[in-house]
Structure formats: C-alpha cells, structure tokens
Amino acid sequence: MGFEMSLIAPGQPAEDLARVMLDAAPWCCLLWTRDYEILDCNETAVEMFGFSNKQEFIEKFNDASPKYQPDGQLSWHKGRMHLVKAFEEGRSVFDWTHKLPDGTLMPAEIALVRARYKGEFVVVGYTRDLRQIRRSDNSTLRLESDTEAIYYDPLTGIFNRRYFDESMTRVLKTLSRSFGVLSILMIDIDFFKNYNDKYGYNAGDDCLRIIADALSKSVTRADDFVVRYGVEEFAVVLPNTNEDGARLLADNMLQAVRECGIPHERSDAADIVTVSIGVTTGTVQPKSRADNFIIRADELLYMSKQNGRNRSTYGRM
C-alpha cells in the first residue's frame, strides 16, 4: 500500500535515535496492535493528556474520550471503525474530540497509518491538539472579517460606496488593456422619502434590505456586483457586458423589485415599491474615468424619473 511504512526493529543501532525522534515529536504518537490494544506511546502523548507516565496513559486512554462524539456516534464504535479502516486500507484521517482527566474537551485531528513491525501489521496513531491552532485561525478570521467589513454596508449586507470606488479603479484598469466594454446601472427607489414618512424608518430599513437582496440576486456573473451607493440609491457594475446584456439585466431588476410586492401608498409610480434605473455602456479607454460612467448613468436615471419612474432609460457613453 502507498501509505504503508516500516518501523525500525528493536536491537538495531538506529532504535535509540528513533525513540528520541518519537518522544520529541509535537504530536501524540501511539501504536495499536491488531487486537486494538495500545502497544506503546511517546512522551508527548503523556504530556498532552495529562497522565503521569506511559503506563497510566496506556491503561486509561480508553477513558480519554466522551461517550459520544460531536456527530452523535459512540466514541468506542467510531474509533474502532477508523482503526479497522487503517488496518484494511492503510490510512484513516479524521477529526476527534478527546476528554482530558480534568474534564476539558480537546478537539483533535487524528491520522492512523498502517506500518509493519516485526513481520506484523500495527497502526501508528498521530494526534494533533487543535485548540491552539483554532485559536490562531479564529484570530486570523476575525482580522480578515474586520478588514472585509469596511467594504460592506451594515444595513443591507451588500457592498458599499468604498468598495465601489476602489473596485472601479481596478475594473477600468483591467478593461483598458483590451479596450473592453463596461456597463453601469444607477438605481434609485421611487419616492423613498414618502415611504419613510408613511411607514416609518424601521420599515424603510426593511425595504432597503429587501430591495438590495432582490437586486443582488439578479446578478449572476462572478465579476458583476451591486453596491449601496447612497441612502436609497444603488449602483451595478457589469464588466464585459454590452448594451443588450445591460438592458436585459435592468429589465430583470425592475421586475424583481416589483415582485417583492412592498406596499407603497404614497408613490405616484405604482401602489408598490418600484425603482428607476439609468443604464449606460461604453468602451473603456486608457484614460477613462469612473466619474464619466457614473455621471452618464445618473443623467439617464434622471430621465427615467422625469418620464414617470418605474422604468429604465438607456444611453451610450
């Protein structure tokens, strides 16, 4: 088997060196026999589990797990299954929860590897304590989360204006190399001030969340994104999207918002919440600026509002 290894037999000159290496290993190491009994362990195992010596480790190791694992399986049954797998297939790697003598639960990663010793198969078990690693990982995740949070709108959960500004710089730079096409949509909720006046600001916040979700779900390509650009204004960035694609998405977004069916008694556009959209498409030149796309899309958004709202207006750059 590819996972199989040989252990140095007792009496060979390298045996003492192998023992030193085993005891110095940062992982708990132990040997299982074919009868599923522990043959030996290293000093790290004794220290990790808080036992006084190897003999105590060997005698009490079976008590060093809770009755059930987090997945609901009996510890003895699940452990036996992995040992059987290691003996039959050469290796088994899995997560485990140990219970230390003081009652502390220790999440661990275990690797069981089949080895040949004195002409017989044994299984070498390596146990790694994941507590310190997970603390480190959690710190890293918190750091990443804190860093990423600056790009998200806390109310709606979608990208914010800062993300838009920084991403547009990147998008324009990338597209300018090949004179690629970029489409921008500017979207405004119709008569949103009237909505807040009628239903209150809490309802207004709920409305913003629902609309943001509807717009986001309308975008399906990985490079496209929706941001909350202002209080009730959203922007959609569509790299490598031509006029037809931009028009189609705008229509889909109009319909997605209508299908939310949010009542709006003080709207002159409809009896439900609707949006107006300005859509523009242009070829990105080396000197193209984000402001030019935004200004043009805003002009077209204004035209949608002037023409009755609840619609989109398209125009080239």
Protein backbone atom coordinates (compact mmCIF):
# COMPACT_ATOMS: atom_id res chain seq x y z
CA MET A 1 0.00 0.00 0.00
CA GLY A 2 1.17 3.54 -0.65
CA PHE A 3 0.53 4.55 2.95
CA GLU A 4 2.43 1.67 4.47
CA MET A 5 5.72 2.20 6.29
CA SER A 6 8.27 0.09 8.15
CA LEU A 7 9.38 0.63 11.73
CA ILE A 8 12.95 0.07 12.91
CA ALA A 9 13.12 -3.27 14.70
CA PRO A 10 14.37 -3.40 18.31
CA GLY A 11 18.07 -4.04 18.63
CA GLN A 12 19.07 -2.14 15.52
CA PRO A 13 21.62 0.69 16.02
CA ALA A 14 19.09 3.34 14.98
CA GLU A 15 16.47 2.28 17.53
CA ASP A 16 17.61 4.74 20.19
CA LEU A 17 17.64 7.56 17.67
CA ALA A 18 14.16 6.63 16.51
CA ARG A 19 12.94 6.71 20.11
CA VAL A 20 14.43 10.17 20.64
CA MET A 21 12.72 11.41 17.48
CA LEU A 22 9.42 9.85 18.52
CA ASP A 23 9.46 11.36 22.00
CA ALA A 24 10.44 14.77 20.64
CA ALA A 25 7.58 14.84 18.12
CA PRO A 26 4.98 17.61 18.82
CA TRP A 27 2.15 15.19 18.06
CA CYS A 28 0.90 12.45 20.33
CA CYS A 29 2.08 9.13 18.83
CA LEU A 30 0.91 5.66 19.81
CA LEU A 31 0.99 2.13 18.41
CA TRP A 32 -2.09 -0.03 18.07
CA THR A 33 -1.93 -3.80 17.70
CA ARG A 34 -4.20 -5.98 15.58
CA ASP A 35 -6.16 -6.65 18.76
CA TYR A 36 -6.84 -2.91 19.03
CA GLU A 37 -4.67 -2.59 22.11
CA ILE A 38 -2.07 0.14 22.69
CA LEU A 39 1.45 -1.22 22.39
CA ASP A 40 3.40 1.97 23.11
CA CYS A 41 3.25 5.77 23.07
CA ASN A 42 5.63 8.73 23.13
CA GLU A 43 6.28 11.28 25.88
CA THR A 44 4.24 13.94 24.09
CA ALA A 45 1.18 11.71 24.44
CA VAL A 46 1.67 11.52 28.20
CA GLU A 47 2.05 15.29 28.50
CA MET A 48 -0.78 16.13 26.12
CA PHE A 49 -3.33 14.06 28.02
CA GLY A 50 -2.06 14.98 31.48
CA PHE A 51 -1.10 11.49 32.60
CA SER A 52 1.84 10.82 34.93
CA ASN A 53 3.58 8.17 32.81
CA LYS A 54 3.21 5.90 29.80
CA GLN A 55 1.72 3.05 31.78
CA GLU A 56 -1.08 5.27 33.05
CA PHE A 57 -1.64 6.55 29.50
CA ILE A 58 -1.98 3.00 28.16
CA GLU A 59 -4.28 1.91 30.97
CA LYS A 60 -6.57 4.94 30.92
CA PHE A 61 -6.52 6.02 27.27
CA ASN A 62 -9.90 4.43 26.54
CA ASP A 63 -11.41 6.76 29.15
CA ALA A 64 -9.92 9.81 27.45
CA SER A 65 -12.91 10.34 25.14
CA PRO A 66 -16.50 11.35 25.89
CA LYS A 67 -19.15 8.69 25.43
CA TYR A 68 -20.34 10.31 22.21
CA GLN A 69 -18.52 12.26 19.53
CA PRO A 70 -20.00 15.59 18.29
CA ASP A 71 -21.56 13.77 15.31
CA GLY A 72 -23.57 11.57 17.71
CA GLN A 73 -21.58 8.36 17.22
CA LEU A 74 -20.38 6.32 20.15
CA SER A 75 -16.68 7.04 20.65
CA TRP A 76 -15.63 3.41 21.01
CA HIS A 77 -17.56 2.41 17.89
CA LYS A 78 -16.31 5.27 15.73
CA GLY A 79 -12.73 4.76 16.91
CA ARG A 80 -12.88 1.06 16.14
CA MET A 81 -14.21 1.74 12.63
CA HIS A 82 -11.27 4.04 11.87
CA LEU A 83 -8.78 1.51 13.22
CA VAL A 84 -10.32 -1.19 11.03
CA LYS A 85 -10.10 1.14 8.04
CA ALA A 86 -6.45 1.88 8.75
CA PHE A 87 -5.60 -1.81 9.00
CA GLU A 88 -7.51 -2.64 5.82
CA GLU A 89 -6.77 0.39 3.64
CA GLY A 90 -3.51 1.67 5.09
CA ARG A 91 -4.69 5.02 6.41
CA SER A 92 -7.53 6.94 8.04
CA VAL A 93 -7.59 10.66 8.89
CA PHE A 94 -10.43 12.23 10.88
CA ASP A 95 -11.45 14.80 13.49
CA TRP A 96 -11.95 13.67 17.07
CA THR A 97 -12.86 15.06 20.47
CA HIS A 98 -10.93 13.82 23.50
CA LYS A 99 -11.84 14.31 27.13
CA LEU A 100 -8.88 15.05 29.39
CA PRO A 101 -8.68 13.83 33.01
CA ASP A 102 -9.86 17.24 34.30
CA GLY A 103 -12.93 17.09 32.07
CA THR A 104 -11.63 19.50 29.43
CA LEU A 105 -12.68 18.64 25.88
CA MET A 106 -9.82 18.64 23.40
CA PRO A 107 -10.62 18.87 19.67
CA ALA A 108 -8.03 16.91 17.72
CA GLU A 109 -7.01 15.73 14.29
CA ILE A 110 -6.03 12.07 14.14
CA ALA A 111 -4.11 10.25 11.43
CA LEU A 112 -3.86 6.46 11.59
CA VAL A 113 -1.20 4.88 9.37
CA ARG A 114 -0.55 1.18 8.93
CA ALA A 115 3.05 0.05 9.49
CA ARG A 116 4.94 -3.23 9.57
CA TYR A 117 6.66 -4.16 12.84
CA LYS A 118 8.41 -7.49 13.43
CA GLY A 119 6.62 -9.04 10.49
CA GLU A 120 3.18 -7.93 11.72
CA PHE A 121 0.96 -5.01 10.92
CA VAL A 122 0.41 -2.31 13.54
CA VAL A 123 -1.24 1.09 13.27
CA VAL A 124 0.60 4.24 14.25
CA GLY A 125 -1.75 6.92 15.54
CA TYR A 126 -0.81 10.62 15.39
CA THR A 127 -2.96 13.03 17.39
CA ARG A 128 -2.71 16.80 17.00
CA ASP A 129 -4.28 19.13 19.56
CA LEU A 130 -6.32 21.66 17.57
CA ARG A 131 -7.10 24.07 20.39
CA GLN A 132 -4.14 26.39 19.85
CA ILE A 133 -4.43 26.11 16.08
CA ARG A 134 -8.12 27.02 16.15
CA ARG A 135 -7.44 29.99 18.43
CA SER A 136 -4.90 31.18 15.88
CA ASP A 137 -7.27 30.52 12.98
CA ASN A 138 -10.10 32.35 14.73
CA SER A 139 -7.85 35.37 15.26
CA THR A 140 -6.96 35.32 11.59
CA LEU A 141 -10.60 35.00 10.60
CA ARG A 142 -11.54 37.90 12.87
CA LEU A 143 -8.80 40.00 11.32
CA GLU A 144 -9.97 39.12 7.83
CA SER A 145 -13.56 39.81 8.84
CA ASP A 146 -12.68 43.19 10.31
CA THR A 147 -10.76 44.09 7.16
CA GLU A 148 -13.54 42.98 4.84
CA ALA A 149 -16.21 44.76 6.88
CA ILE A 150 -15.07 48.15 5.60
CA TYR A 151 -16.39 47.15 2.16
CA TYR A 152 -19.91 46.16 3.25
CA ASP A 153 -22.96 48.22 4.03
CA PRO A 154 -24.02 47.27 7.59
CA LEU A 155 -27.74 47.71 6.89
CA THR A 156 -28.19 45.76 3.66
CA GLY A 157 -25.14 43.49 3.77
CA ILE A 158 -24.12 44.29 0.20
CA PHE A 159 -21.01 46.17 -0.94
CA ASN A 160 -20.74 49.86 -0.07
CA ARG A 161 -19.55 53.04 -1.75
CA ARG A 162 -15.95 52.48 -0.68
CA TYR A 163 -15.91 49.10 -2.38
CA PHE A 164 -17.40 50.68 -5.49
CA ASP A 165 -14.77 53.40 -5.69
CA GLU A 166 -11.82 51.05 -5.19
CA SER A 167 -13.20 48.34 -7.46
CA MET A 168 -13.96 50.75 -10.28
CA THR A 169 -10.31 51.75 -10.38
CA ARG A 170 -9.34 48.09 -10.73
CA VAL A 171 -12.07 47.31 -13.29
CA LEU A 172 -11.20 50.27 -15.51
CA LYS A 173 -7.51 49.46 -15.41
CA THR A 174 -8.16 45.85 -16.40
CA LEU A 175 -10.62 46.64 -19.19
CA SER A 176 -8.50 49.43 -20.62
CA ARG A 177 -5.78 46.94 -21.57
CA SER A 178 -8.05 45.33 -24.14
CA PHE A 179 -10.46 48.22 -24.75
CA GLY A 180 -13.16 46.16 -23.07
CA VAL A 181 -16.79 47.10 -22.63
CA LEU A 182 -18.26 48.27 -19.33
CA SER A 183 -21.90 48.83 -18.39
CA ILE A 184 -23.08 50.74 -15.33
CA LEU A 185 -26.56 50.88 -13.81
CA MET A 186 -27.60 53.59 -11.35
CA ILE A 187 -30.79 52.67 -9.45
CA ASP A 188 -33.00 54.76 -7.21
CA ILE A 189 -36.01 53.69 -5.13
CA ASP A 190 -39.01 55.69 -6.26
CA PHE A 191 -40.47 58.12 -3.71
CA PHE A 192 -38.48 56.61 -0.87
CA LYS A 193 -38.84 59.72 1.31
CA ASN A 194 -42.60 59.38 1.03
CA TYR A 195 -42.26 55.73 2.03
CA ASN A 196 -40.38 56.62 5.20
CA ASP A 197 -42.88 59.35 6.03
CA LYS A 198 -45.78 56.93 5.69
CA TYR A 199 -44.40 53.71 7.19
CA GLY A 200 -41.55 54.87 9.42
CA TYR A 201 -37.80 54.47 9.31
CA ASN A 202 -37.78 50.90 10.60
CA ALA A 203 -39.98 49.87 7.70
CA GLY A 204 -37.72 51.93 5.45
CA ASP A 205 -34.72 49.93 6.60
CA ASP A 206 -36.58 46.69 5.91
CA CYS A 207 -37.48 47.99 2.47
CA LEU A 208 -33.83 48.75 1.70
CA ARG A 209 -32.79 45.26 2.75
CA ILE A 210 -35.42 43.62 0.58
CA ILE A 211 -34.57 45.72 -2.47
CA ALA A 212 -30.83 45.15 -2.01
CA ASP A 213 -31.45 41.41 -1.84
CA ALA A 214 -33.62 41.45 -4.96
CA LEU A 215 -31.02 43.39 -6.93
CA SER A 216 -28.17 41.19 -5.75
CA LYS A 217 -29.99 38.00 -6.71
CA SER A 218 -30.49 39.36 -10.21
CA VAL A 219 -26.72 39.42 -10.73
CA THR A 220 -25.32 36.01 -11.58
CA ARG A 221 -21.82 36.51 -13.01
CA ALA A 222 -18.82 36.45 -10.71
CA ASP A 223 -17.37 39.75 -11.95
CA ASP A 224 -20.63 41.72 -11.64
CA PHE A 225 -21.53 43.38 -8.37
CA VAL A 226 -24.17 45.57 -6.71
CA VAL A 227 -23.38 48.30 -4.17
CA ARG A 228 -25.38 50.61 -1.99
CA TYR A 229 -24.27 53.91 -3.48
CA GLY A 230 -26.39 56.33 -1.44
CA VAL A 231 -29.29 56.32 1.01
CA GLU A 232 -31.81 54.82 -1.43
CA GLU A 233 -29.50 54.58 -4.44
CA PHE A 234 -27.69 51.52 -5.76
CA ALA A 235 -25.09 51.02 -8.45
CA VAL A 236 -24.43 47.90 -10.53
CA VAL A 237 -21.08 47.30 -12.24
CA LEU A 238 -21.04 44.97 -15.26
CA PRO A 239 -17.57 44.42 -16.78
CA ASN A 240 -17.57 42.99 -20.29
CA THR A 241 -21.32 43.47 -20.66
CA ASN A 242 -22.67 45.02 -23.85
CA GLU A 243 -25.80 47.08 -24.42
CA ASP A 244 -28.10 44.09 -24.82
CA GLY A 245 -26.86 42.43 -21.66
CA ALA A 246 -27.19 45.65 -19.65
CA ARG A 247 -30.71 46.32 -20.91
CA LEU A 248 -31.78 42.77 -20.11
CA LEU A 249 -30.43 42.97 -16.58
CA ALA A 250 -32.13 46.31 -15.99
CA ASP A 251 -35.48 44.80 -17.07
CA ASN A 252 -34.91 41.82 -14.79
CA MET A 253 -34.16 44.10 -11.85
CA LEU A 254 -37.25 46.20 -12.44
CA GLN A 255 -39.33 43.05 -12.40
CA ALA A 256 -37.54 41.57 -9.38
CA VAL A 257 -38.32 44.69 -7.33
CA ARG A 258 -41.95 44.69 -8.43
CA GLU A 259 -42.28 41.04 -7.45
CA CYS A 260 -41.26 41.93 -3.90
CA GLY A 261 -44.72 43.48 -3.66
CA ILE A 262 -43.88 46.01 -0.95
CA PRO A 263 -46.96 48.25 -0.48
CA HIS A 264 -46.35 51.97 -1.11
CA GLU A 265 -49.47 54.11 -0.78
CA ARG A 266 -47.62 57.38 -1.33
CA SER A 267 -45.95 56.50 -4.61
CA ASP A 268 -47.08 58.23 -7.77
CA ALA A 269 -45.47 55.46 -9.84
CA ALA A 270 -47.38 52.42 -8.51
CA ASP A 271 -49.10 51.09 -5.42
CA ILE A 272 -45.96 49.08 -4.58
CA VAL A 273 -42.30 49.99 -4.20
CA THR A 274 -40.57 50.41 -7.56
CA VAL A 275 -37.22 51.65 -8.83
CA SER A 276 -35.93 53.82 -11.63
CA ILE A 277 -32.76 52.89 -13.50
CA GLY A 278 -30.20 54.66 -15.68
CA VAL A 279 -28.12 52.37 -17.89
CA THR A 280 -25.01 53.19 -19.88
CA THR A 281 -22.41 51.22 -21.81
CA GLY A 282 -19.05 52.32 -23.08
CA THR A 283 -15.69 51.13 -24.32
CA VAL A 284 -13.01 51.60 -21.70
CA GLN A 285 -10.06 53.67 -22.90
CA PRO A 286 -6.70 54.05 -21.12
CA LYS A 287 -7.82 57.48 -19.89
CA SER A 288 -11.41 56.53 -18.99
CA ARG A 289 -12.61 57.71 -15.59
CA ALA A 290 -15.20 56.18 -13.30
CA ASP A 291 -16.82 59.59 -12.87
CA ASN A 292 -17.67 59.72 -16.57
CA PHE A 293 -19.64 56.45 -16.39
CA ILE A 294 -21.39 57.47 -13.18
CA ILE A 295 -22.37 60.91 -14.45
CA ARG A 296 -23.78 59.45 -17.65
CA ALA A 297 -25.74 56.75 -15.79
CA ASP A 298 -27.06 59.39 -13.38
CA GLU A 299 -28.24 61.53 -16.31
CA LEU A 300 -30.17 58.55 -17.66
CA LEU A 301 -31.56 57.79 -14.20
CA TYR A 302 -32.87 61.36 -14.05
CA MET A 303 -34.56 60.82 -17.41
CA SER A 304 -36.30 57.71 -16.06
CA LYS A 305 -37.63 59.75 -13.18
CA GLN A 306 -38.78 62.56 -15.47
CA ASN A 307 -40.64 60.08 -17.66
CA GLY A 308 -42.76 58.62 -14.86
CA ARG A 309 -40.32 56.38 -12.89
CA ASN A 310 -40.66 52.60 -12.54
CA ARG A 311 -38.62 52.20 -15.71
CA SER A 312 -35.10 52.20 -17.15
CA THR A 313 -33.50 54.53 -19.68
CA TYR A 314 -30.51 53.51 -21.77
CA GLY A 315 -27.83 55.62 -23.41
CA ARG A 316 -24.29 55.10 -24.67
CA MET A 317 -21.29 56.83 -23.20
